């Protein structure tokens, strides 16, 4: 297992994979994927609640880890 202080070496590749899977499916900006012992935390901004939920499901499917928190803020269209 990994700790919050020492994320696994493949955290960037997992984040990249999540980003690739979201292309054309959900408008989430400033995405950040944090991998902890307990699972993953999502951070960022989304154009709608649906995009936030899609990002959550994609992250869980790609990482195979449970979601600890979805901190994606729904803030409408990007300005």
PDB file of N, CA and C in Angstrom:
ATOM      1  N   UNK A   1       0.839  -1.186   0.000  1.00  0.00           N
ATOM      2  CA  UNK A   1       0.000   0.000   0.000  1.00  0.00           C
ATOM      3  C   UNK A   1       0.881   1.246   0.000  1.00  0.00           C
ATOM      4  N   UNK A   2       0.289   2.346  -0.422  1.00  0.00           N
ATOM      5  CA  UNK A   2       1.020   3.610  -0.455  1.00  0.00           C
ATOM      6  C   UNK A   2       0.486   4.519   0.641  1.00  0.00           C
ATOM      7  N   UNK A   3       1.198   5.564   0.895  1.00  0.00           N
ATOM      8  CA  UNK A   3       0.746   6.536   1.882  1.00  0.00           C
ATOM      9  C   UNK A   3       0.510   7.865   1.203  1.00  0.00           C
ATOM     10  N   UNK A   4      -0.174   8.754   1.894  1.00  0.00           N
ATOM     11  CA  UNK A   4      -0.448  10.078   1.326  1.00  0.00           C
ATOM     12  C   UNK A   4       0.846  10.837   1.100  1.00  0.00           C
ATOM     13  N   UNK A   5       1.866  10.568   1.908  1.00  0.00           N
ATOM     14  CA  UNK A   5       3.138  11.271   1.775  1.00  0.00           C
ATOM     15  C   UNK A   5       3.996  10.704   0.652  1.00  0.00           C
ATOM     16  N   UNK A   6       3.739   9.485   0.254  1.00  0.00           N
ATOM     17  CA  UNK A   6       4.551   8.854  -0.789  1.00  0.00           C
ATOM     18  C   UNK A   6       3.639   8.185  -1.813  1.00  0.00           C
ATOM     19  N   UNK A   7       3.077   8.974  -2.736  1.00  0.00           N
ATOM     20  CA  UNK A   7       2.180   8.399  -3.733  1.00  0.00           C
ATOM     21  C   UNK A   7       2.932   7.422  -4.624  1.00  0.00           C
ATOM     22  N   UNK A   8       2.229   6.443  -5.165  1.00  0.00           N
ATOM     23  CA  UNK A   8       2.901   5.470  -6.012  1.00  0.00           C
ATOM     24  C   UNK A   8       3.490   6.127  -7.248  1.00  0.00           C
ATOM     25  N   UNK A   9       4.520   5.511  -7.778  1.00  0.00           N
ATOM     26  CA  UNK A   9       5.206   6.059  -8.946  1.00  0.00           C
ATOM     27  C   UNK A   9       4.277   6.178 -10.141  1.00  0.00           C
ATOM     28  N   UNK A  10       3.246   5.362 -10.196  1.00  0.00           N
ATOM     29  CA  UNK A  10       2.358   5.380 -11.350  1.00  0.00           C
ATOM     30  C   UNK A  10       1.152   6.299 -11.186  1.00  0.00           C
ATOM     31  N   UNK A  11       1.151   7.159 -10.178  1.00  0.00           N
ATOM     32  CA  UNK A  11       0.033   8.081  -9.978  1.00  0.00           C
ATOM     33  C   UNK A  11      -0.173   8.952 -11.210  1.00  0.00           C
ATOM     34  N   UNK A  12       0.920   9.434 -11.792  1.00  0.00           N
ATOM     35  CA  UNK A  12       0.810  10.280 -12.986  1.00  0.00           C
ATOM     36  C   UNK A  12       0.228   9.505 -14.158  1.00  0.00           C
ATOM     37  N   UNK A  13       0.599   8.251 -14.318  1.00  0.00           N
ATOM     38  CA  UNK A  13       0.056   7.464 -15.423  1.00  0.00           C
ATOM     39  C   UNK A  13      -1.420   7.163 -15.197  1.00  0.00           C
ATOM     40  N   UNK A  14      -1.820   6.948 -13.944  1.00  0.00           N
ATOM     41  CA  UNK A  14      -3.243   6.752 -13.647  1.00  0.00           C
ATOM     42  C   UNK A  14      -4.030   8.021 -13.940  1.00  0.00           C
ATOM     43  N   UNK A  15      -3.495   9.160 -13.533  1.00  0.00           N
ATOM     44  CA  UNK A  15      -4.157  10.437 -13.791  1.00  0.00           C
ATOM     45  C   UNK A  15      -4.269  10.686 -15.287  1.00  0.00           C
ATOM     46  N   UNK A  16      -3.230  10.345 -16.024  1.00  0.00           N
ATOM     47  CA  UNK A  16      -3.240  10.508 -17.478  1.00  0.00           C
ATOM     48  C   UNK A  16      -4.291   9.609 -18.119  1.00  0.00           C
ATOM     49  N   UNK A  17      -4.397   8.385 -17.631  1.00  0.00           N
ATOM     50  CA  UNK A  17      -5.390   7.450 -18.160  1.00  0.00           C
ATOM     51  C   UNK A  17      -6.810   7.942 -17.890  1.00  0.00           C
ATOM     52  N   UNK A  18      -7.039   8.454 -16.694  1.00  0.00           N
ATOM     53  CA  UNK A  18      -8.356   9.021 -16.361  1.00  0.00           C
ATOM     54  C   UNK A  18      -8.660  10.186 -17.293  1.00  0.00           C
ATOM     55  N   UNK A  19      -7.682  11.071 -17.488  1.00  0.00           N
ATOM     56  CA  UNK A  19      -7.851  12.230 -18.367  1.00  0.00           C
ATOM     57  C   UNK A  19      -8.211  11.782 -19.785  1.00  0.00           C
ATOM     58  N   UNK A  20      -7.514  10.771 -20.311  1.00  0.00           N
ATOM     59  CA  UNK A  20      -7.784  10.261 -21.656  1.00  0.00           C
ATOM     60  C   UNK A  20      -9.191   9.693 -21.770  1.00  0.00           C
ATOM     61  N   UNK A  21      -9.630   8.971 -20.747  1.00  0.00           N
ATOM     62  CA  UNK A  21     -10.960   8.355 -20.781  1.00  0.00           C
ATOM     63  C   UNK A  21     -12.082   9.378 -20.659  1.00  0.00           C
ATOM     64  N   UNK A  22     -11.760  10.562 -20.137  1.00  0.00           N
ATOM     65  CA  UNK A  22     -12.782  11.604 -19.985  1.00  0.00           C
ATOM     66  C   UNK A  22     -12.948  12.463 -21.241  1.00  0.00           C
ATOM     67  N   UNK A  23     -12.000  12.411 -22.148  1.00  0.00           N
ATOM     68  CA  UNK A  23     -12.062  13.234 -23.356  1.00  0.00           C
ATOM     69  C   UNK A  23     -13.363  12.941 -24.108  1.00  0.00           C
ATOM     70  N   UNK A  24     -14.121  13.999 -24.343  1.00  0.00           N
ATOM     71  CA  UNK A  24     -15.382  13.872 -25.066  1.00  0.00           C
ATOM     72  C   UNK A  24     -16.537  13.351 -24.233  1.00  0.00           C
ATOM     73  N   UNK A  25     -16.284  12.997 -22.972  1.00  0.00           N
ATOM     74  CA  UNK A  25     -17.339  12.445 -22.125  1.00  0.00           C
ATOM     75  C   UNK A  25     -17.767  13.392 -21.015  1.00  0.00           C
ATOM     76  N   UNK A  26     -16.809  14.142 -20.480  1.00  0.00           N
ATOM     77  CA  UNK A  26     -17.120  15.013 -19.346  1.00  0.00           C
ATOM     78  C   UNK A  26     -16.187  16.209 -19.369  1.00  0.00           C
ATOM     79  N   UNK A  27     -16.741  17.358 -19.080  1.00  0.00           N
ATOM     80  CA  UNK A  27     -15.953  18.587 -19.047  1.00  0.00           C
ATOM     81  C   UNK A  27     -15.526  18.861 -17.608  1.00  0.00           C
ATOM     82  N   UNK A  28     -14.333  18.351 -17.275  1.00  0.00           N
ATOM     83  CA  UNK A  28     -13.753  18.554 -15.953  1.00  0.00           C
ATOM     84  C   UNK A  28     -12.404  19.227 -16.151  1.00  0.00           C
ATOM     85  N   UNK A  29     -12.195  20.341 -15.464  1.00  0.00           N
ATOM     86  CA  UNK A  29     -10.983  21.128 -15.613  1.00  0.00           C
ATOM     87  C   UNK A  29     -10.159  21.092 -14.332  1.00  0.00           C
ATOM     88  N   UNK A  30      -8.882  21.397 -14.475  1.00  0.00           N
ATOM     89  CA  UNK A  30      -7.975  21.435 -13.319  1.00  0.00           C
ATOM     90  C   UNK A  30      -8.060  20.132 -12.521  1.00  0.00           C
ATOM     91  N   UNK A  31      -8.120  19.032 -13.256  1.00  0.00           N
ATOM     92  CA  UNK A  31      -8.258  17.723 -12.616  1.00  0.00           C
ATOM     93  C   UNK A  31      -7.019  17.368 -11.813  1.00  0.00           C
ATOM     94  N   UNK A  32      -7.255  16.697 -10.710  1.00  0.00           N
ATOM     95  CA  UNK A  32      -6.171  16.167  -9.910  1.00  0.00           C
ATOM     96  C   UNK A  32      -6.647  14.865  -9.289  1.00  0.00           C
ATOM     97  N   UNK A  33      -5.812  13.845  -9.387  1.00  0.00           N
ATOM     98  CA  UNK A  33      -6.100  12.540  -8.817  1.00  0.00           C
ATOM     99  C   UNK A  33      -5.082  12.293  -7.712  1.00  0.00           C
ATOM    100  N   UNK A  34      -5.561  12.107  -6.487  1.00  0.00           N
ATOM    101  CA  UNK A  34      -4.688  11.856  -5.349  1.00  0.00           C
ATOM    102  C   UNK A  34      -4.914  10.415  -4.909  1.00  0.00           C
ATOM    103  N   UNK A  35      -3.838   9.631  -4.864  1.00  0.00           N
ATOM    104  CA  UNK A  35      -3.934   8.230  -4.467  1.00  0.00           C
ATOM    105  C   UNK A  35      -3.472   8.097  -3.026  1.00  0.00           C
ATOM    106  N   UNK A  36      -4.346   7.548  -2.182  1.00  0.00           N
ATOM    107  CA  UNK A  36      -4.053   7.332  -0.769  1.00  0.00           C
ATOM    108  C   UNK A  36      -4.133   5.835  -0.469  1.00  0.00           C
ATOM    109  N   UNK A  37      -3.769   5.448   0.742  1.00  0.00           N
ATOM    110  CA  UNK A  37      -3.910   4.046   1.156  1.00  0.00           C
ATOM    111  C   UNK A  37      -5.351   3.572   1.012  1.00  0.00           C
ATOM    112  N   UNK A  38      -6.296   4.433   1.370  1.00  0.00           N
ATOM    113  CA  UNK A  38      -7.704   4.064   1.401  1.00  0.00           C
ATOM    114  C   UNK A  38      -8.375   4.082   0.030  1.00  0.00           C
ATOM    115  N   UNK A  39      -7.787   4.758  -0.944  1.00  0.00           N
ATOM    116  CA  UNK A  39      -8.395   4.882  -2.265  1.00  0.00           C
ATOM    117  C   UNK A  39      -7.962   6.170  -2.942  1.00  0.00           C
ATOM    118  N   UNK A  40      -8.851   6.735  -3.761  1.00  0.00           N
ATOM    119  CA  UNK A  40      -8.506   7.929  -4.520  1.00  0.00           C
ATOM    120  C   UNK A  40      -9.381   9.117  -4.120  1.00  0.00           C
ATOM    121  N   UNK A  41      -8.814  10.302  -4.302  1.00  0.00           N
ATOM    122  CA  UNK A  41      -9.526  11.556  -4.087  1.00  0.00           C
ATOM    123  C   UNK A  41      -9.478  12.308  -5.413  1.00  0.00           C
ATOM    124  N   UNK A  42     -10.624  12.792  -5.860  1.00  0.00           N
ATOM    125  CA  UNK A  42     -10.702  13.588  -7.084  1.00  0.00           C
ATOM    126  C   UNK A  42     -10.840  15.054  -6.723  1.00  0.00           C
ATOM    127  N   UNK A  43     -10.129  15.899  -7.467  1.00  0.00           N
ATOM    128  CA  UNK A  43     -10.238  17.338  -7.286  1.00  0.00           C
ATOM    129  C   UNK A  43     -10.339  17.988  -8.660  1.00  0.00           C
ATOM    130  N   UNK A  44     -10.962  19.138  -8.728  1.00  0.00           N
ATOM    131  CA  UNK A  44     -11.079  19.859  -9.985  1.00  0.00           C
ATOM    132  C   UNK A  44     -12.369  20.655 -10.046  1.00  0.00           C
ATOM    133  N   UNK A  45     -12.706  21.069 -11.275  1.00  0.00           N
ATOM    134  CA  UNK A  45     -13.936  21.830 -11.503  1.00  0.00           C
ATOM    135  C   UNK A  45     -14.668  21.214 -12.677  1.00  0.00           C
ATOM    136  N   UNK A  46     -15.989  21.135 -12.589  1.00  0.00           N
ATOM    137  CA  UNK A  46     -16.804  20.542 -13.641  1.00  0.00           C
ATOM    138  C   UNK A  46     -17.876  21.522 -14.096  1.00  0.00           C
ATOM    139  N   UNK A  47     -18.318  21.332 -15.339  1.00  0.00           N
ATOM    140  CA  UNK A  47     -19.355  22.204 -15.883  1.00  0.00           C
ATOM    141  C   UNK A  47     -20.747  21.830 -15.379  1.00  0.00           C
ATOM    142  N   UNK A  48     -20.916  20.583 -14.922  1.00  0.00           N
ATOM    143  CA  UNK A  48     -22.222  20.146 -14.423  1.00  0.00           C
ATOM    144  C   UNK A  48     -22.044  18.938 -13.499  1.00  0.00           C
ATOM    145  N   UNK A  49     -23.090  18.619 -12.784  1.00  0.00           N
ATOM    146  CA  UNK A  49     -23.050  17.491 -11.858  1.00  0.00           C
ATOM    147  C   UNK A  49     -22.803  16.180 -12.600  1.00  0.00           C
ATOM    148  N   UNK A  50     -23.380  16.030 -13.777  1.00  0.00           N
ATOM    149  CA  UNK A  50     -23.190  14.819 -14.575  1.00  0.00           C
ATOM    150  C   UNK A  50     -21.702  14.601 -14.871  1.00  0.00           C
ATOM    151  N   UNK A  51     -20.981  15.651 -15.241  1.00  0.00           N
ATOM    152  CA  UNK A  51     -19.551  15.545 -15.535  1.00  0.00           C
ATOM    153  C   UNK A  51     -18.781  15.112 -14.286  1.00  0.00           C
ATOM    154  N   UNK A  52     -19.176  15.622 -13.138  1.00  0.00           N
ATOM    155  CA  UNK A  52     -18.550  15.229 -11.873  1.00  0.00           C
ATOM    156  C   UNK A  52     -18.740  13.736 -11.633  1.00  0.00           C
ATOM    157  N   UNK A  53     -19.940  13.236 -11.861  1.00  0.00           N
ATOM    158  CA  UNK A  53     -20.236  11.821 -11.651  1.00  0.00           C
ATOM    159  C   UNK A  53     -19.505  10.932 -12.650  1.00  0.00           C
ATOM    160  N   UNK A  54     -19.444  11.358 -13.908  1.00  0.00           N
ATOM    161  CA  UNK A  54     -18.718  10.588 -14.920  1.00  0.00           C
ATOM    162  C   UNK A  54     -17.253  10.478 -14.532  1.00  0.00           C
ATOM    163  N   UNK A  55     -16.659  11.574 -14.097  1.00  0.00           N
ATOM    164  CA  UNK A  55     -15.258  11.568 -13.679  1.00  0.00           C
ATOM    165  C   UNK A  55     -15.046  10.590 -12.521  1.00  0.00           C
ATOM    166  N   UNK A  56     -15.982  10.558 -11.606  1.00  0.00           N
ATOM    167  CA  UNK A  56     -15.896   9.649 -10.465  1.00  0.00           C
ATOM    168  C   UNK A  56     -15.903   8.199 -10.929  1.00  0.00           C
ATOM    169  N   UNK A  57     -16.828   7.847 -11.784  1.00  0.00           N
ATOM    170  CA  UNK A  57     -16.934   6.462 -12.257  1.00  0.00           C
ATOM    171  C   UNK A  57     -15.719   6.061 -13.090  1.00  0.00           C
ATOM    172  N   UNK A  58     -15.233   6.962 -13.915  1.00  0.00           N
ATOM    173  CA  UNK A  58     -14.046   6.669 -14.724  1.00  0.00           C
ATOM    174  C   UNK A  58     -12.836   6.451 -13.822  1.00  0.00           C
ATOM    175  N   UNK A  59     -12.648   7.310 -12.838  1.00  0.00           N
ATOM    176  CA  UNK A  59     -11.501   7.183 -11.933  1.00  0.00           C
ATOM    177  C   UNK A  59     -11.536   5.859 -11.179  1.00  0.00           C
ATOM    178  N   UNK A  60     -12.699   5.466 -10.717  1.00  0.00           N
ATOM    179  CA  UNK A  60     -12.818   4.205  -9.992  1.00  0.00           C
ATOM    180  C   UNK A  60     -12.556   3.016 -10.904  1.00  0.00           C
ATOM    181  N   UNK A  61     -13.040   3.079 -12.131  1.00  0.00           N
ATOM    182  CA  UNK A  61     -12.841   1.975 -13.079  1.00  0.00           C
ATOM    183  C   UNK A  61     -11.376   1.861 -13.497  1.00  0.00           C
ATOM    184  N   UNK A  62     -10.736   2.979 -13.747  1.00  0.00           N
ATOM    185  CA  UNK A  62      -9.342   2.983 -14.212  1.00  0.00           C
ATOM    186  C   UNK A  62      -8.391   2.537 -13.107  1.00  0.00           C
ATOM    187  N   UNK A  63      -8.585   3.044 -11.899  1.00  0.00           N
ATOM    188  CA  UNK A  63      -7.644   2.755 -10.819  1.00  0.00           C
ATOM    189  C   UNK A  63      -7.941   1.435 -10.116  1.00  0.00           C
ATOM    190  N   UNK A  64      -9.200   1.014 -10.137  1.00  0.00           N
ATOM    191  CA  UNK A  64      -9.584  -0.181  -9.395  1.00  0.00           C
ATOM    192  C   UNK A  64      -9.605   0.047  -7.898  1.00  0.00           C
ATOM    193  N   UNK A  65      -9.582   1.319  -7.493  1.00  0.00           N
ATOM    194  CA  UNK A  65      -9.568   1.687  -6.080  1.00  0.00           C
ATOM    195  C   UNK A  65     -10.888   2.334  -5.692  1.00  0.00           C
ATOM    196  N   UNK A  66     -11.262   2.255  -4.415  1.00  0.00           N
ATOM    197  CA  UNK A  66     -12.479   2.939  -3.977  1.00  0.00           C
ATOM    198  C   UNK A  66     -12.277   4.450  -3.959  1.00  0.00           C
ATOM    199  N   UNK A  67     -13.372   5.162  -4.047  1.00  0.00           N
ATOM    200  CA  UNK A  67     -13.337   6.620  -3.990  1.00  0.00           C
ATOM    201  C   UNK A  67     -13.418   7.060  -2.536  1.00  0.00           C
ATOM    202  N   UNK A  68     -12.441   7.838  -2.090  1.00  0.00           N
ATOM    203  CA  UNK A  68     -12.441   8.377  -0.739  1.00  0.00           C
ATOM    204  C   UNK A  68     -13.259   9.656  -0.710  1.00  0.00           C
ATOM    205  N   UNK A  69     -13.044  10.519  -1.718  1.00  0.00           N
ATOM    206  CA  UNK A  69     -13.778  11.781  -1.792  1.00  0.00           C
ATOM    207  C   UNK A  69     -13.789  12.290  -3.228  1.00  0.00           C
ATOM    208  N   UNK A  70     -14.925  12.869  -3.615  1.00  0.00           N
ATOM    209  CA  UNK A  70     -15.037  13.541  -4.904  1.00  0.00           C
ATOM    210  C   UNK A  70     -15.147  15.022  -4.599  1.00  0.00           C
ATOM    211  N   UNK A  71     -14.022  15.702  -4.702  1.00  0.00           N
ATOM    212  CA  UNK A  71     -13.965  17.137  -4.393  1.00  0.00           C
ATOM    213  C   UNK A  71     -14.035  17.983  -5.658  1.00  0.00           C
ATOM    214  N   UNK A  72     -14.628  17.451  -6.695  1.00  0.00           N
ATOM    215  CA  UNK A  72     -14.800  18.224  -7.925  1.00  0.00           C
ATOM    216  C   UNK A  72     -15.938  19.208  -7.692  1.00  0.00           C
ATOM    217  N   UNK A  73     -15.645  20.471  -7.906  1.00  0.00           N
ATOM    218  CA  UNK A  73     -16.615  21.538  -7.700  1.00  0.00           C
ATOM    219  C   UNK A  73     -17.397  21.771  -9.005  1.00  0.00           C
ATOM    220  N   UNK A  74     -18.716  21.780  -8.909  1.00  0.00           N
ATOM    221  CA  UNK A  74     -19.555  22.078 -10.069  1.00  0.00           C
ATOM    222  C   UNK A  74     -19.727  23.589 -10.132  1.00  0.00           C
ATOM    223  N   UNK A  75     -19.196  24.191 -11.204  1.00  0.00           N
ATOM    224  CA  UNK A  75     -19.209  25.653 -11.274  1.00  0.00           C
ATOM    225  C   UNK A  75     -19.724  26.169 -12.617  1.00  0.00           C
ATOM    226  N   UNK A  76     -20.371  25.330 -13.390  1.00  0.00           N
ATOM    227  CA  UNK A  76     -20.927  25.789 -14.649  1.00  0.00           C
ATOM    228  C   UNK A  76     -19.903  25.871 -15.753  1.00  0.00           C
ATOM    229  N   UNK A  77     -20.254  26.574 -16.795  1.00  0.00           N
ATOM    230  CA  UNK A  77     -19.377  26.697 -17.972  1.00  0.00           C
ATOM    231  C   UNK A  77     -18.067  27.368 -17.611  1.00  0.00           C
ATOM    232  N   UNK A  78     -17.019  26.902 -18.237  1.00  0.00           N
ATOM    233  CA  UNK A  78     -15.692  27.471 -18.008  1.00  0.00           C
ATOM    234  C   UNK A  78     -15.621  28.841 -18.654  1.00  0.00           C
ATOM    235  N   UNK A  79     -15.091  29.810 -17.916  1.00  0.00           N
ATOM    236  CA  UNK A  79     -15.006  31.167 -18.479  1.00  0.00           C
ATOM    237  C   UNK A  79     -13.599  31.499 -18.880  1.00  0.00           C
TER     238      UNK A  79
END
